[in-house]
C-alpha atoms as a PDB file:
ATOM      1  CA  MET A   1      58.507  -6.143  22.183  1.00  0.00           C
ATOM      2  CA  ARG A   2      56.174  -8.338  24.197  1.00  0.00           C
ATOM      3  CA  ARG A   3      53.982  -5.318  24.929  1.00  0.00           C
ATOM      4  CA  THR A   4      53.746  -4.568  21.194  1.00  0.00           C
ATOM      5  CA  ALA A   5      52.800  -8.169  20.450  1.00  0.00           C
ATOM      6  CA  PHE A   6      50.165  -8.083  23.207  1.00  0.00           C
ATOM      7  CA  PHE A   7      48.572  -4.909  21.870  1.00  0.00           C
ATOM      8  CA  SER A   8      48.708  -6.247  18.321  1.00  0.00           C
ATOM      9  CA  LYS A   9      46.885  -9.431  19.394  1.00  0.00           C
ATOM     10  CA  TYR A  10      44.379  -7.396  21.413  1.00  0.00           C
ATOM     11  CA  ILE A  11      43.645  -5.106  18.459  1.00  0.00           C
ATOM     12  CA  ASN A  12      43.157  -8.087  16.123  1.00  0.00           C
ATOM     13  CA  GLU A  13      40.747  -9.748  18.537  1.00  0.00           C
ATOM     14  CA  LEU A  14      38.847  -6.495  18.985  1.00  0.00           C
ATOM     15  CA  TYR A  15      38.681  -5.983  15.220  1.00  0.00           C
ATOM     16  CA  ASN A  16      37.370  -9.519  14.651  1.00  0.00           C
ATOM     17  CA  SER A  17      34.796  -9.072  17.421  1.00  0.00           C
ATOM     18  CA  LEU A  18      33.564  -5.792  15.945  1.00  0.00           C
ATOM     19  CA  LYS A  19      33.488  -7.354  12.501  1.00  0.00           C
ATOM     20  CA  TYR A  20      31.326 -10.218  13.820  1.00  0.00           C
ATOM     21  CA  VAL A  21      29.007  -7.819  15.659  1.00  0.00           C
ATOM     22  CA  ASN A  22      28.634  -5.682  12.533  1.00  0.00           C
ATOM     23  CA  LYS A  23      27.861  -8.717  10.394  1.00  0.00           C
ATOM     24  CA  SER A  24      25.304  -9.971  12.919  1.00  0.00           C
ATOM     25  CA  PHE A  25      23.730  -6.518  13.084  1.00  0.00           C
ATOM     26  CA  GLN A  26      23.470  -6.325   9.302  1.00  0.00           C
ATOM     27  CA  GLN A  27      21.900  -9.782   9.172  1.00  0.00           C
ATOM     28  CA  SER A  28      19.432  -8.810  11.900  1.00  0.00           C
ATOM     29  CA  MET A  29      18.496  -5.642  10.015  1.00  0.00           C
ATOM     30  CA  LEU A  30      17.989  -7.634   6.808  1.00  0.00           C
ATOM     31  CA  SER A  31      15.759 -10.125   8.631  1.00  0.00           C
ATOM     32  CA  TYR A  32      13.776  -7.259  10.132  1.00  0.00           C
ATOM     33  CA  ARG A  33      13.291  -5.639   6.708  1.00  0.00           C
ATOM     34  CA  GLN A  34      12.281  -8.989   5.213  1.00  0.00           C
ATOM     35  CA  PHE A  35       9.786  -9.603   8.011  1.00  0.00           C
ATOM     36  CA  THR A  36       8.324  -6.126   7.485  1.00  0.00           C
ATOM     37  CA  GLY A  37       8.184  -6.836   3.745  1.00  0.00           C
ATOM     38  CA  LEU A  38       6.330 -10.103   4.360  1.00  0.00           C
ATOM     39  CA  GLN A  39       3.753  -8.343   6.535  1.00  0.00           C
ATOM     40  CA  LYS A  40       3.253  -5.727   3.822  1.00  0.00           C
ATOM     41  CA  ILE A  41       2.757  -8.401   1.161  1.00  0.00           C
ATOM     42  CA  MET A  42       0.076 -10.116   3.221  1.00  0.00           C
ATOM     43  CA  ARG A  43      -1.571  -6.884   4.361  1.00  0.00           C
ATOM     44  CA  ASN A  44      -1.830  -5.536   0.804  1.00  0.00           C
ATOM     45  CA  ARG A  45      -2.509  -8.923  -0.822  1.00  0.00           C
ATOM     46  CA  MET A  46       0.490  -8.445  -3.118  1.00  0.00           C
ATOM     47  CA  LEU A  47       0.890 -12.090  -4.156  1.00  0.00           C
ATOM     48  CA  THR A  48       0.241 -12.912  -7.806  1.00  0.00           C
ATOM     49  CA  THR A  49      -1.717 -16.143  -8.220  1.00  0.00           C
ATOM     50  CA  TYR A  50      -0.946 -18.400 -11.186  1.00  0.00           C
ATOM     51  CA  PHE A  51      -2.769 -21.499 -12.424  1.00  0.00           C
ATOM     52  CA  GLN A  52      -0.837 -24.252 -14.228  1.00  0.00           C
ATOM     53  CA  PRO A  53      -2.849 -26.966 -15.980  1.00  0.00           C
ATOM     54  CA  ILE A  54      -2.456 -30.678 -15.255  1.00  0.00           C
ATOM     55  CA  LEU A  55      -3.446 -32.664 -18.342  1.00  0.00           C
ATOM     56  CA  ASN A  56      -4.361 -36.259 -19.057  1.00  0.00           C
ATOM     57  CA  LEU A  57      -1.544 -37.525 -21.290  1.00  0.00           C
ATOM     58  CA  GLN A  58      -3.680 -40.326 -22.689  1.00  0.00           C
ATOM     59  CA  ASN A  59      -6.782 -38.454 -23.869  1.00  0.00           C
ATOM     60  CA  GLY A  60      -5.689 -34.797 -23.671  1.00  0.00           C
ATOM     61  CA  SER A  61      -8.341 -33.646 -21.164  1.00  0.00           C
ATOM     62  CA  CYS A  62      -7.627 -31.298 -18.247  1.00  0.00           C
ATOM     63  CA  LEU A  63      -7.572 -32.835 -14.743  1.00  0.00           C
ATOM     64  CA  GLY A  64      -7.252 -29.496 -12.969  1.00  0.00           C
ATOM     65  CA  TYR A  65      -4.802 -26.757 -12.010  1.00  0.00           C
ATOM     66  CA  GLU A  66      -2.002 -26.317  -9.514  1.00  0.00           C
ATOM     67  CA  ILE A  67      -2.089 -22.935  -7.798  1.00  0.00           C
ATOM     68  CA  LEU A  68       1.231 -21.094  -7.532  1.00  0.00           C
ATOM     69  CA  ASN A  69       1.448 -17.883  -5.486  1.00  0.00           C
ATOM     70  CA  ARG A  70       4.409 -15.622  -6.264  1.00  0.00           C
ATOM     71  CA  PRO A  71       5.609 -12.477  -4.429  1.00  0.00           C
ATOM     72  CA  PRO A  72       6.692  -9.278  -6.188  1.00  0.00           C
ATOM     73  CA  ILE A  73      10.419  -9.369  -7.043  1.00  0.00           C
ATOM     74  CA  SER A  74      12.448  -6.977  -4.862  1.00  0.00           C
ATOM     75  CA  ASN A  75      15.861  -6.526  -3.268  1.00  0.00           C
ATOM     76  CA  LEU A  76      14.498  -8.236  -0.163  1.00  0.00           C
ATOM     77  CA  PHE A  77      13.158 -11.208  -2.123  1.00  0.00           C
ATOM     78  CA  PRO A  78      14.949 -11.505  -5.479  1.00  0.00           C
ATOM     79  CA  ASN A  79      12.997 -14.667  -6.337  1.00  0.00           C
ATOM     80  CA  ALA A  80      10.167 -16.855  -5.062  1.00  0.00           C
ATOM     81  CA  GLU A  81      12.572 -19.415  -3.612  1.00  0.00           C
ATOM     82  CA  SER A  82      14.233 -16.879  -1.302  1.00  0.00           C
ATOM     83  CA  PHE A  83      10.799 -15.636  -0.234  1.00  0.00           C
ATOM     84  CA  TYR A  84       9.531 -19.068   0.794  1.00  0.00           C
ATOM     85  CA  GLN A  85      12.844 -19.993   2.416  1.00  0.00           C
ATOM     86  CA  PHE A  86      12.570 -16.899   4.615  1.00  0.00           C
ATOM     87  CA  ILE A  87       9.021 -17.795   5.658  1.00  0.00           C
ATOM     88  CA  GLY A  88      10.186 -21.285   6.615  1.00  0.00           C
ATOM     89  CA  HIS A  89      12.633 -19.788   9.131  1.00  0.00           C
ATOM     90  CA  THR A  90      10.028 -17.589  10.828  1.00  0.00           C
ATOM     91  CA  ASP A  91       7.035 -18.203  13.079  1.00  0.00           C
ATOM     92  CA  GLN A  92       4.746 -17.053  10.261  1.00  0.00           C
ATOM     93  CA  VAL A  93       4.324 -20.395   8.456  1.00  0.00           C
ATOM     94  CA  PHE A  94       0.776 -21.053   9.713  1.00  0.00           C
ATOM     95  CA  THR A  95      -0.328 -17.427   9.252  1.00  0.00           C
ATOM     96  CA  PHE A  96       1.053 -17.245   5.723  1.00  0.00           C
ATOM     97  CA  GLU A  97      -0.373 -20.638   4.695  1.00  0.00           C
ATOM     98  CA  ARG A  98      -3.820 -19.589   5.899  1.00  0.00           C
ATOM     99  CA  PHE A  99      -3.478 -16.344   3.931  1.00  0.00           C
ATOM    100  CA  CYS A 100      -2.399 -18.295   0.813  1.00  0.00           C
ATOM    101  CA  ARG A 101      -5.252 -20.760   1.163  1.00  0.00           C
ATOM    102  CA  GLU A 102      -7.839 -17.988   1.383  1.00  0.00           C
ATOM    103  CA  ILE A 103      -6.470 -15.916  -1.494  1.00  0.00           C
ATOM    104  CA  SER A 104      -6.000 -19.026  -3.668  1.00  0.00           C
ATOM    105  CA  ILE A 105      -9.569 -20.240  -3.263  1.00  0.00           C
ATOM    106  CA  GLU A 106     -10.979 -16.740  -3.728  1.00  0.00           C
ATOM    107  CA  ARG A 107      -9.065 -16.183  -6.986  1.00  0.00           C
ATOM    108  CA  PHE A 108      -9.762 -19.709  -8.219  1.00  0.00           C
ATOM    109  CA  ARG A 109     -13.494 -19.159  -7.751  1.00  0.00           C
ATOM    110  CA  ALA A 110     -13.273 -15.779  -9.519  1.00  0.00           C
ATOM    111  CA  SER A 111     -11.443 -17.305 -12.488  1.00  0.00           C
ATOM    112  CA  LEU A 112     -13.946 -20.166 -12.696  1.00  0.00           C
ATOM    113  CA  THR A 113     -16.715 -17.614 -13.016  1.00  0.00           C
ATOM    114  CA  THR A 114     -14.885 -15.298 -15.443  1.00  0.00           C
ATOM    115  CA  GLU A 115     -13.755 -18.082 -17.780  1.00  0.00           C
ATOM    116  CA  ARG A 116     -17.062 -19.978 -17.396  1.00  0.00           C
ATOM    117  CA  TYR A 117     -15.320 -23.149 -16.328  1.00  0.00           C
ATOM    118  CA  PRO A 118     -17.198 -26.173 -14.959  1.00  0.00           C
ATOM    119  CA  ASP A 119     -17.879 -25.787 -11.259  1.00  0.00           C
ATOM    120  CA  ASN A 120     -16.296 -29.195 -10.554  1.00  0.00           C
ATOM    121  CA  THR A 121     -12.824 -28.194 -11.824  1.00  0.00           C
ATOM    122  CA  VAL A 122     -10.078 -29.569  -9.538  1.00  0.00           C
ATOM    123  CA  VAL A 123      -7.403 -27.443  -7.864  1.00  0.00           C
ATOM    124  CA  PHE A 124      -4.082 -28.510  -6.293  1.00  0.00           C
ATOM    125  CA  LEU A 125      -3.094 -26.474  -3.213  1.00  0.00           C
ATOM    126  CA  ASN A 126       0.495 -26.611  -1.898  1.00  0.00           C
ATOM    127  CA  ILE A 127       0.508 -27.023   1.860  1.00  0.00           C
ATOM    128  CA  HIS A 128       3.026 -27.703   4.626  1.00  0.00           C
ATOM    129  CA  PRO A 129       2.368 -30.974   6.519  1.00  0.00           C
ATOM    130  CA  GLN A 130       2.603 -29.212   9.892  1.00  0.00           C
ATOM    131  CA  VAL A 131      -0.263 -26.953   8.883  1.00  0.00           C
ATOM    132  CA  LEU A 132      -2.534 -29.928   8.191  1.00  0.00           C
ATOM    133  CA  ALA A 133      -1.555 -31.354  11.578  1.00  0.00           C
ATOM    134  CA  ASP A 134      -2.352 -28.097  13.372  1.00  0.00           C
ATOM    135  CA  THR A 135      -5.531 -28.376  15.471  1.00  0.00           C
ATOM    136  CA  THR A 136      -6.735 -24.950  14.321  1.00  0.00           C
ATOM    137  CA  TYR A 137      -6.484 -26.004  10.698  1.00  0.00           C
ATOM    138  CA  ARG A 138      -8.556 -29.104  11.406  1.00  0.00           C
ATOM    139  CA  SER A 139     -11.403 -27.107  12.905  1.00  0.00           C
ATOM    140  CA  GLY A 140     -13.423 -27.138   9.664  1.00  0.00           C
ATOM    141  CA  GLU A 141     -12.580 -23.629   8.491  1.00  0.00           C
ATOM    142  CA  THR A 142     -11.355 -24.976   5.134  1.00  0.00           C
ATOM    143  CA  ILE A 143     -14.755 -26.495   4.382  1.00  0.00           C
ATOM    144  CA  SER A 144     -16.463 -23.302   5.548  1.00  0.00           C
ATOM    145  CA  LEU A 145     -14.236 -21.306   3.206  1.00  0.00           C
ATOM    146  CA  LEU A 146     -15.029 -23.613   0.284  1.00  0.00           C
ATOM    147  CA  ASN A 147     -18.751 -23.452   1.028  1.00  0.00           C
ATOM    148  CA  SER A 148     -18.648 -19.664   0.998  1.00  0.00           C
ATOM    149  CA  TYR A 149     -17.404 -19.802  -2.615  1.00  0.00           C
ATOM    150  CA  GLY A 150     -19.663 -22.625  -3.732  1.00  0.00           C
ATOM    151  CA  LEU A 151     -16.853 -25.178  -3.921  1.00  0.00           C
ATOM    152  CA  SER A 152     -16.581 -28.679  -2.468  1.00  0.00           C
ATOM    153  CA  PRO A 153     -13.752 -30.678  -0.804  1.00  0.00           C
ATOM    154  CA  GLU A 154     -13.865 -33.123  -3.739  1.00  0.00           C
ATOM    155  CA  GLN A 155     -12.395 -30.334  -5.885  1.00  0.00           C
ATOM    156  CA  VAL A 156      -9.348 -29.828  -3.644  1.00  0.00           C
ATOM    157  CA  VAL A 157      -6.107 -31.806  -3.668  1.00  0.00           C
ATOM    158  CA  PHE A 158      -3.659 -30.984  -0.871  1.00  0.00           C
ATOM    159  CA  GLU A 159      -0.167 -31.164  -2.379  1.00  0.00           C
ATOM    160  CA  LEU A 160       2.258 -31.823   0.469  1.00  0.00           C
ATOM    161  CA  THR A 161       5.531 -29.896   0.524  1.00  0.00           C
ATOM    162  CA  GLU A 162       8.507 -30.343   2.905  1.00  0.00           C
ATOM    163  CA  LYS A 163       7.842 -34.036   3.502  1.00  0.00           C
ATOM    164  CA  GLN A 164      10.892 -34.266   5.766  1.00  0.00           C
ATOM    165  CA  ALA A 165       8.872 -32.253   8.310  1.00  0.00           C
ATOM    166  CA  VAL A 166       6.718 -35.338   8.961  1.00  0.00           C
ATOM    167  CA  GLN A 167       8.083 -37.051  12.067  1.00  0.00           C
ATOM    168  CA  ASP A 168       5.335 -39.525  12.936  1.00  0.00           C
ATOM    169  CA  TYR A 169       3.983 -41.102   9.750  1.00  0.00           C
ATOM    170  CA  VAL A 170       1.436 -43.260  11.571  1.00  0.00           C
ATOM    171  CA  GLU A 171      -0.138 -40.236  13.271  1.00  0.00           C
ATOM    172  CA  PHE A 172       0.036 -38.113  10.122  1.00  0.00           C
ATOM    173  CA  GLU A 173      -1.641 -40.848   8.076  1.00  0.00           C
ATOM    174  CA  ARG A 174      -4.477 -40.798  10.636  1.00  0.00           C
ATOM    175  CA  ILE A 175      -4.779 -37.030  10.124  1.00  0.00           C
ATOM    176  CA  LEU A 176      -4.899 -37.467   6.346  1.00  0.00           C
ATOM    177  CA  SER A 177      -7.607 -40.116   6.731  1.00  0.00           C
ATOM    178  CA  ASN A 178      -9.718 -37.484   8.484  1.00  0.00           C
ATOM    179  CA  TYR A 179      -9.337 -35.159   5.496  1.00  0.00           C
ATOM    180  CA  ARG A 180     -10.080 -37.938   3.026  1.00  0.00           C
ATOM    181  CA  SER A 181     -13.287 -38.764   4.891  1.00  0.00           C
ATOM    182  CA  GLN A 182     -14.396 -35.181   4.178  1.00  0.00           C
ATOM    183  CA  GLY A 183     -13.693 -35.535   0.437  1.00  0.00           C
ATOM    184  CA  PHE A 184     -10.227 -33.986   0.123  1.00  0.00           C
ATOM    185  CA  ARG A 185      -7.502 -35.805  -1.810  1.00  0.00           C
ATOM    186  CA  ILE A 186      -3.727 -35.904  -1.201  1.00  0.00           C
ATOM    187  CA  ALA A 187      -0.747 -35.540  -3.544  1.00  0.00           C
ATOM    188  CA  ILE A 188       2.957 -36.143  -2.813  1.00  0.00           C
ATOM    189  CA  ASP A 189       5.319 -34.112  -4.990  1.00  0.00           C
ATOM    190  CA  ASP A 190       8.987 -34.600  -5.987  1.00  0.00           C
ATOM    191  CA  ALA A 191       8.678 -38.394  -6.012  1.00  0.00           C
ATOM    192  CA  GLY A 192      11.986 -39.998  -6.927  1.00  0.00           C
ATOM    193  CA  SER A 193      14.045 -37.103  -5.538  1.00  0.00           C
ATOM    194  CA  GLY A 194      15.068 -38.690  -2.229  1.00  0.00           C
ATOM    195  CA  TYR A 195      14.296 -40.940   0.703  1.00  0.00           C
ATOM    196  CA  SER A 196      11.733 -38.653   2.343  1.00  0.00           C
ATOM    197  CA  SER A 197       9.531 -38.574  -0.761  1.00  0.00           C
ATOM    198  CA  LEU A 198       9.672 -42.379  -1.160  1.00  0.00           C
ATOM    199  CA  LYS A 199       8.851 -42.941   2.519  1.00  0.00           C
ATOM    200  CA  ALA A 200       5.939 -40.504   2.240  1.00  0.00           C
ATOM    201  CA  ILE A 201       4.583 -42.374  -0.784  1.00  0.00           C
ATOM    202  CA  VAL A 202       4.665 -45.734   0.973  1.00  0.00           C
ATOM    203  CA  SER A 203       3.440 -44.508   4.367  1.00  0.00           C
ATOM    204  CA  LEU A 204       0.801 -41.922   3.435  1.00  0.00           C
ATOM    205  CA  LYS A 205      -0.852 -43.672   0.470  1.00  0.00           C
ATOM    206  CA  PRO A 206      -1.528 -40.512  -1.579  1.00  0.00           C
ATOM    207  CA  ASP A 207      -4.147 -40.235  -4.291  1.00  0.00           C
ATOM    208  CA  PHE A 208      -1.584 -38.668  -6.636  1.00  0.00           C
ATOM    209  CA  ILE A 209       2.186 -39.176  -6.946  1.00  0.00           C
ATOM    210  CA  LYS A 210       3.946 -36.289  -8.688  1.00  0.00           C
ATOM    211  CA  LEU A 211       7.213 -37.373 -10.299  1.00  0.00           C
ATOM    212  CA  ASP A 212      10.122 -34.991  -9.723  1.00  0.00           C
ATOM    213  CA  ARG A 213      11.074 -32.778 -12.677  1.00  0.00           C
ATOM    214  CA  ALA A 214      14.680 -33.999 -12.468  1.00  0.00           C
ATOM    215  CA  LEU A 215      13.370 -37.494 -13.162  1.00  0.00           C
ATOM    216  CA  ILE A 216      11.335 -36.311 -16.155  1.00  0.00           C
ATOM    217  CA  SER A 217      13.891 -34.017 -17.835  1.00  0.00           C
ATOM    218  CA  ARG A 218      15.066 -35.831 -21.005  1.00  0.00           C
ATOM    219  CA  VAL A 219      13.638 -39.089 -19.669  1.00  0.00           C
ATOM    220  CA  ASP A 220      13.322 -40.287 -23.272  1.00  0.00           C
ATOM    221  CA  THR A 221      17.141 -40.440 -23.550  1.00  0.00           C
ATOM    222  CA  HIS A 222      18.179 -41.747 -20.086  1.00  0.00           C
ATOM    223  CA  SER A 223      17.607 -45.435 -19.350  1.00  0.00           C
ATOM    224  CA  ASP A 224      18.204 -45.075 -15.591  1.00  0.00           C
ATOM    225  CA  GLN A 225      15.439 -42.451 -15.306  1.00  0.00           C
ATOM    226  CA  GLN A 226      13.168 -44.609 -17.420  1.00  0.00           C
ATOM    227  CA  HIS A 227      13.730 -47.527 -15.051  1.00  0.00           C
ATOM    228  CA  ILE A 228      12.721 -45.462 -12.004  1.00  0.00           C
ATOM    229  CA  VAL A 229       9.622 -44.159 -13.794  1.00  0.00           C
ATOM    230  CA  ARG A 230       8.563 -47.723 -14.584  1.00  0.00           C
ATOM    231  CA  ILE A 231       9.069 -48.823 -10.963  1.00  0.00           C
ATOM    232  CA  LEU A 232       6.962 -45.928  -9.642  1.00  0.00           C
ATOM    233  CA  LYS A 233       4.347 -46.569 -12.320  1.00  0.00           C
ATOM    234  CA  GLN A 234       4.021 -50.204 -11.208  1.00  0.00           C
ATOM    235  CA  PHE A 235       3.763 -49.129  -7.578  1.00  0.00           C
ATOM    236  CA  ALA A 236       0.988 -46.688  -8.527  1.00  0.00           C
ATOM    237  CA  VAL A 237      -0.901 -49.433 -10.372  1.00  0.00           C
ATOM    238  CA  ASP A 238      -0.606 -51.827  -7.418  1.00  0.00           C
ATOM    239  CA  SER A 239      -1.696 -49.184  -4.880  1.00  0.00           C
ATOM    240  CA  GLY A 240      -4.487 -47.565  -6.898  1.00  0.00           C
ATOM    241  CA  THR A 241      -2.659 -44.235  -7.169  1.00  0.00           C
ATOM    242  CA  SER A 242      -2.483 -41.860 -10.143  1.00  0.00           C
ATOM    243  CA  ILE A 243       0.846 -40.494 -11.396  1.00  0.00           C
ATOM    244  CA  ILE A 244       1.499 -36.914 -12.522  1.00  0.00           C
ATOM    245  CA  ALA A 245       4.799 -36.252 -14.314  1.00  0.00           C
ATOM    246  CA  GLU A 246       6.074 -32.750 -13.488  1.00  0.00           C
ATOM    247  CA  GLY A 247       8.418 -30.488 -15.449  1.00  0.00           C
ATOM    248  CA  ILE A 248       7.562 -31.719 -18.954  1.00  0.00           C
ATOM    249  CA  GLU A 249       9.230 -29.340 -21.400  1.00  0.00           C
ATOM    250  CA  ARG A 250       9.732 -31.402 -24.581  1.00  0.00           C
ATOM    251  CA  TYR A 251       7.387 -33.268 -26.906  1.00  0.00           C
ATOM    252  CA  GLU A 252       9.718 -36.287 -26.788  1.00  0.00           C
ATOM    253  CA  GLU A 253       9.105 -36.534 -23.047  1.00  0.00           C
ATOM    254  CA  ILE A 254       5.350 -36.512 -23.676  1.00  0.00           C
ATOM    255  CA  GLN A 255       5.747 -39.323 -26.223  1.00  0.00           C
ATOM    256  CA  PHE A 256       7.740 -41.509 -23.824  1.00  0.00           C
ATOM    257  CA  LEU A 257       5.357 -40.932 -20.904  1.00  0.00           C
ATOM    258  CA  ARG A 258       2.310 -41.688 -23.036  1.00  0.00           C
ATOM    259  CA  TYR A 259       3.909 -44.901 -24.287  1.00  0.00           C
ATOM    260  CA  GLU A 260       4.657 -45.949 -20.687  1.00  0.00           C
ATOM    261  CA  GLY A 261       1.051 -45.347 -19.672  1.00  0.00           C
ATOM    262  CA  ILE A 262       1.683 -42.369 -17.370  1.00  0.00           C
ATOM    263  CA  GLU A 263      -1.750 -40.862 -16.840  1.00  0.00           C
ATOM    264  CA  TYR A 264      -1.156 -37.160 -16.153  1.00  0.00           C
ATOM    265  CA  GLY A 265       1.454 -34.502 -16.864  1.00  0.00           C
ATOM    266  CA  GLN A 266       2.350 -30.924 -16.013  1.00  0.00           C
ATOM    267  CA  GLY A 267       4.965 -28.562 -17.434  1.00  0.00           C
ATOM    268  CA  TYR A 268       5.719 -25.808 -19.939  1.00  0.00           C
ATOM    269  CA  ALA A 269       5.190 -28.171 -22.888  1.00  0.00           C
ATOM    270  CA  LEU A 270       1.605 -28.650 -21.706  1.00  0.00           C
ATOM    271  CA  GLY A 271       0.778 -25.189 -20.417  1.00  0.00           C
ATOM    272  CA  ARG A 272       2.582 -22.364 -18.663  1.00  0.00           C
ATOM    273  CA  PRO A 273       1.317 -20.850 -15.401  1.00  0.00           C
ATOM    274  CA  ASP A 274      -1.183 -18.075 -16.093  1.00  0.00           C
ATOM    275  CA  THR A 275      -3.177 -15.660 -13.967  1.00  0.00           C
ATOM    276  CA  VAL A 276      -6.408 -17.020 -15.446  1.00  0.00           C
ATOM    277  CA  LEU A 277      -7.631 -20.534 -16.157  1.00  0.00           C
ATOM    278  CA  ARG A 278      -6.832 -21.266 -19.768  1.00  0.00           C
ATOM    279  CA  PRO A 279      -7.935 -24.514 -21.398  1.00  0.00           C
ATOM    280  CA  SER A 280      -5.055 -26.120 -23.285  1.00  0.00           C
ATOM    281  CA  PRO A 281      -6.218 -29.614 -24.277  1.00  0.00           C
ATOM    282  CA  LEU A 282      -3.610 -31.859 -25.854  1.00  0.00           C
ATOM    283  CA  SER A 283      -3.920 -33.028 -29.433  1.00  0.00           C
ATOM    284  CA  PHE A 284      -1.931 -35.982 -30.678  1.00  0.00           C
ATOM    285  CA  PRO A 285      -0.745 -36.611 -34.230  1.00  0.00           C
END
């Protein structure tokens, strides 16, 4: 009886061990296929680049465009979120960001020429804080890249993602000051979404504060959201910062934001991402 119980326990432990090994193997194979897929996307330049307009809510003019790079949908990467999450867990963050920067500026320049846009049109580039802090990135290659396409640093706004990655705000602010001295501007996104975004706003003194879409959704009907918007608006006024409201999808939201004096906005109600620069000036009744 005891022998039977011993063998039964042994078999269960062996089964669980094999099950764990099989699961780990499958996960390793998936990671390998995803890594190979990422290399293929970069090698064949398979990202699709979209431009979403950022409009002045007070006079209807276009401030510029945020660049959004999206991978092809596949079983490996069923959506853009899973794609960027995978990159964040690899050692390819710097390599991919450099690739994105180059392809973004190249396609932005091409669209400026094709659509006959003013050469001083502004572009917002999403970038990981650790990439800006990397010594290689600070070597001046960004300015060289811009010069090669006839663009200037004054046209580029670095939109910081993953603010929780900033560990030393004093040192990072010094790094940002170096970029500002060259003409670049800084934006903090997802303001109002958590402590890290609020700390980044106070510590890094951005040129633009982008209000989180969760704060803007139906803001015309929620007094608590309205209160936060007003607080951030007053902070922006006191610190000489411009506010951009993200995720605007309804005309009622536009009305509220205009009434509150919010300067800029971005969202489907103002213009959807497109593969070319499309002017979509606002008109008010």
